[in-house]
Protein backbone atom coordinates (compact mmCIF):
# COMPACT_ATOMS: atom_id res chain seq x y z
CA MET A 1 114.01 92.09 62.30
CA SER A 2 117.45 93.36 63.89
CA SER A 3 121.11 92.97 62.18
CA ILE A 4 124.01 92.59 64.71
CA THR A 5 127.43 92.50 63.13
CA GLU A 6 130.46 91.78 65.64
CA SER A 7 134.11 90.79 65.11
CA VAL A 8 137.09 89.14 67.28
CA ASP A 9 140.48 88.47 66.52
CA VAL A 10 141.52 85.22 67.94
CA LYS A 11 145.21 84.21 68.34
CA VAL A 12 144.88 81.09 66.09
CA ASN A 13 145.04 80.71 62.13
CA VAL A 14 142.34 80.74 59.88
CA SER A 15 142.23 76.94 59.74
CA ILE A 16 142.17 76.49 63.13
CA ALA A 17 139.23 79.12 63.92
CA TYR A 18 137.16 78.11 60.94
CA ASN A 19 137.88 73.92 62.20
CA GLN A 20 136.40 75.03 65.64
CA TRP A 21 133.80 76.68 64.17
CA THR A 22 132.34 73.87 62.22
CA GLN A 23 131.95 71.82 65.22
CA PHE A 24 128.43 73.07 66.05
CA GLU A 25 128.13 70.84 68.92
CA SER A 26 130.64 72.73 71.16
CA PHE A 27 128.72 75.52 70.72
CA PRO A 28 127.31 75.41 74.44
CA ARG A 29 130.87 75.65 75.52
CA PHE A 30 130.84 79.32 74.45
CA MET A 31 127.14 80.73 73.79
CA ASP A 32 125.37 81.90 76.23
CA GLY A 33 121.88 80.19 76.24
CA VAL A 34 122.79 77.38 74.36
CA ASP A 35 121.91 74.67 75.53
CA GLU A 36 122.43 71.75 73.12
CA ILE A 37 123.08 71.40 69.48
CA ARG A 38 122.53 68.10 67.58
CA GLN A 39 124.05 67.86 63.89
CA ILE A 40 121.88 65.37 62.30
CA ASP A 41 123.60 65.48 58.53
CA ASP A 42 126.32 67.78 56.68
CA THR A 43 123.93 70.99 56.49
CA HIS A 44 121.21 70.65 59.29
CA THR A 45 121.37 71.17 62.89
CA HIS A 46 118.96 71.15 66.14
CA TRP A 47 119.06 73.92 68.75
CA THR A 48 118.05 73.79 71.92
CA MET A 49 118.12 77.04 73.47
CA SER A 50 117.23 78.93 76.79
CA VAL A 51 116.82 83.37 76.23
CA ALA A 52 115.21 85.16 78.92
CA GLY A 53 114.01 82.36 80.84
CA VAL A 54 112.13 80.70 77.57
CA THR A 55 113.29 77.40 75.93
CA ARG A 56 113.18 77.48 72.26
CA GLU A 57 114.14 74.55 70.03
CA PHE A 58 114.56 74.82 66.14
CA ASP A 59 116.15 73.67 63.30
CA ALA A 60 118.81 75.49 61.22
CA THR A 61 120.44 74.44 57.66
CA ILE A 62 123.87 75.38 56.71
CA THR A 63 123.10 77.59 53.14
CA GLU A 64 126.71 77.50 52.54
CA GLN A 65 130.36 76.73 53.86
CA ASN A 66 133.58 77.02 52.42
CA PRO A 67 136.72 76.04 54.35
CA ASP A 68 138.68 78.59 55.87
CA GLU A 69 136.34 81.80 54.64
CA ARG A 70 132.39 81.55 55.45
CA VAL A 71 129.83 79.37 57.38
CA ALA A 72 126.19 80.87 56.36
CA TRP A 73 123.04 79.40 57.91
CA LYS A 74 119.09 80.06 58.19
CA SER A 75 116.45 79.00 60.57
CA ASP A 76 114.20 76.45 59.47
CA SER A 77 111.66 76.67 62.34
CA GLY A 78 111.38 78.76 65.52
CA PRO A 79 112.29 82.32 65.73
CA ASN A 80 113.70 84.05 62.38
CA HIS A 81 116.93 84.35 62.03
CA ALA A 82 119.64 84.03 59.46
CA GLY A 83 123.54 84.55 59.58
CA VAL A 84 127.04 84.34 58.10
CA ILE A 85 130.53 83.83 60.33
CA THR A 86 133.62 85.14 58.18
CA PHE A 87 137.00 84.29 58.74
CA HIS A 88 139.66 86.77 57.71
CA TYR A 89 143.58 86.43 57.67
CA ILE A 90 145.03 88.78 59.48
CA ASP A 91 148.54 87.14 59.64
CA ALA A 92 149.75 83.41 60.22
CA ASP A 93 148.85 83.25 64.18
CA THR A 94 145.78 86.08 64.09
CA THR A 95 142.24 85.66 62.50
CA ARG A 96 139.44 88.21 62.55
CA VAL A 97 136.01 86.09 62.93
CA THR A 98 133.03 88.04 62.19
CA ALA A 99 129.19 87.21 62.83
CA GLN A 100 126.60 88.96 60.87
CA MET A 101 123.09 88.22 61.45
CA ASP A 102 119.66 88.79 61.18
CA ILE A 103 117.21 87.86 63.93
CA ASP A 104 113.47 88.49 64.03
CA PRO A 105 112.83 88.28 67.73
CA GLU A 106 109.39 85.88 68.72
CA GLY A 107 107.67 86.79 71.34
CA PHE A 108 107.47 89.12 74.27
CA ALA A 109 110.75 88.63 75.99
CA GLU A 110 112.95 88.41 72.65
CA ASN A 111 111.56 91.48 71.89
CA VAL A 112 112.29 93.28 75.21
CA ALA A 113 115.94 91.79 74.92
CA ASP A 114 116.44 93.21 71.29
CA LYS A 115 114.89 96.50 72.17
CA LEU A 116 117.54 97.21 75.18
CA GLY A 117 120.53 95.83 73.18
CA ILE A 118 120.53 92.75 74.96
CA LEU A 119 120.88 90.60 71.83
CA ASP A 120 123.73 92.63 70.55
CA ARG A 121 125.53 92.21 74.08
CA LYS A 122 124.81 88.42 73.71
CA VAL A 123 126.25 88.27 70.62
CA LYS A 124 129.47 90.17 71.32
CA GLY A 125 129.85 88.14 74.62
CA ASP A 126 129.72 84.76 72.63
CA MET A 127 132.23 86.08 70.32
CA GLU A 128 134.62 87.04 73.30
CA ARG A 129 134.00 83.53 75.20
CA PHE A 130 134.79 81.80 71.48
CA LYS A 131 138.08 83.97 71.31
CA THR A 132 138.80 82.57 74.75
CA PHE A 133 137.86 79.04 74.20
CA ILE A 134 139.68 78.60 71.14
CA GLU A 135 143.00 80.53 72.40
CA ASP A 136 143.20 78.37 75.70
CA ARG A 137 143.00 74.97 73.62
CA HIS A 138 146.68 76.34 72.59
CA GLY A 139 145.47 75.48 68.75
CA GLN A 140 143.88 72.78 69.17
CA GLU A 141 140.34 72.67 67.95
CA THR A 142 138.18 69.87 68.80
CA GLY A 143 137.49 69.04 65.13
CA ALA A 144 137.18 69.61 61.89
CA TRP A 145 134.41 69.36 59.11
CA ARG A 146 136.08 70.51 55.81
CA GLY A 147 133.38 70.01 53.28
CA ASP A 148 131.65 72.52 50.94
CA VAL A 149 128.19 73.56 50.73
CA ASP A 150 127.59 75.68 47.83
CA HIS A 151 125.10 78.56 48.44
CA PRO A 152 121.40 77.98 46.44
CA GLY A 153 122.01 78.99 42.85
CA GLN A 154 125.78 78.31 42.58
CA HIS A 155 126.90 75.26 40.73
């Protein structure tokens, strides 16, 4: 299992950064290797990815979501992974977006990519592309979902 942490400061306020991140179907526009994400319902997504020449499909569950603070998920099928994206107020027009992920590479290609540091660089690139994507939109997110998903065990 590999742990990856990457942060990027984006020149938009916390709500805009968070709102854009809740638009999972827009991820292929800034995430390398993500071909499609379908939002099944408020807490379930289906992903199609191409990594190292291998296409993978998997389902993921949003395990926690708190507006302007965090979005956490875990995979239900396919490569075992989980993570959280957090949103930190820097000032009125700047937000630090931090991705923390635990990934258990599946298959030879993914294990080689992990050992060579390719997965770390991919996440760093995805975060940089998110920064460009949201900043180039001049503060206009593509949509928003402001609902709460409580972490299991919380009431």
